[in-house]
C-alpha cells in the first residue's frame, strides 16, 4: 500500500480520503468523495463503486448512445489518469431491450486501447498514453483503403486532441 502511504503524507484532504479508500474500499466514502478525486458522478451510473477494487478502477463499462452521458464518460475514460489502472473494458447496449454486455476486452489499459483501435475505434487516439512518435507512426501506416474514414478526418477529430501530438508541418 505504498500509494496509500504517499497519499497520506500529502497535505490535502482529497489525498487523505483517497488513501483511506485504497485501504478500506467503502461505498459511502467513494460516493462522498468521487468528484473530489476526479471521478464524475455520471447520471446513469456509468462509473460505479463496483468498478473499483483495492481502491483503483479495474473495469470501465462503455455504453452505447442509448445512455445520455456515454460520450462524456468515454472522453473521461480516454483522458483520465484514473482509468489507466483498468484491466477490463466492457461495452454495454440497451438498444434492443434490457442492458446487455456486447463484448469485453481484458488486458492492461494500453492493450485495451490498441484492441479498440484495431476495431477502428479511432477516438482512443486522444489518450495521452499514445506518444507523439506512436501517433506519427500510426499516421504513416494509415491506409485509407483499409479504414472506414479518411486520414484527415481521423487526425482532425481524434489525433489532434491528443496532448502529445505535434503536427508534422512538412
Foldseek 3Di string as FASTA:
>chain_A
DVQLVVLCPDPDPLSPLLSVCLVPVDQVSCVVRVVVVVHDPFPVCQDGSVCDDSSAGAEGEQEDVVGPCRVVSVVCCLEPPRNQAYFKYWYWYQPPHDIDTPDMHGGGPVVVLVVVVVVVPLQSLQHLVQAQVNVVVCLVPDDPVPHPDDSVCSCVVHNVNRPRHDDDPD
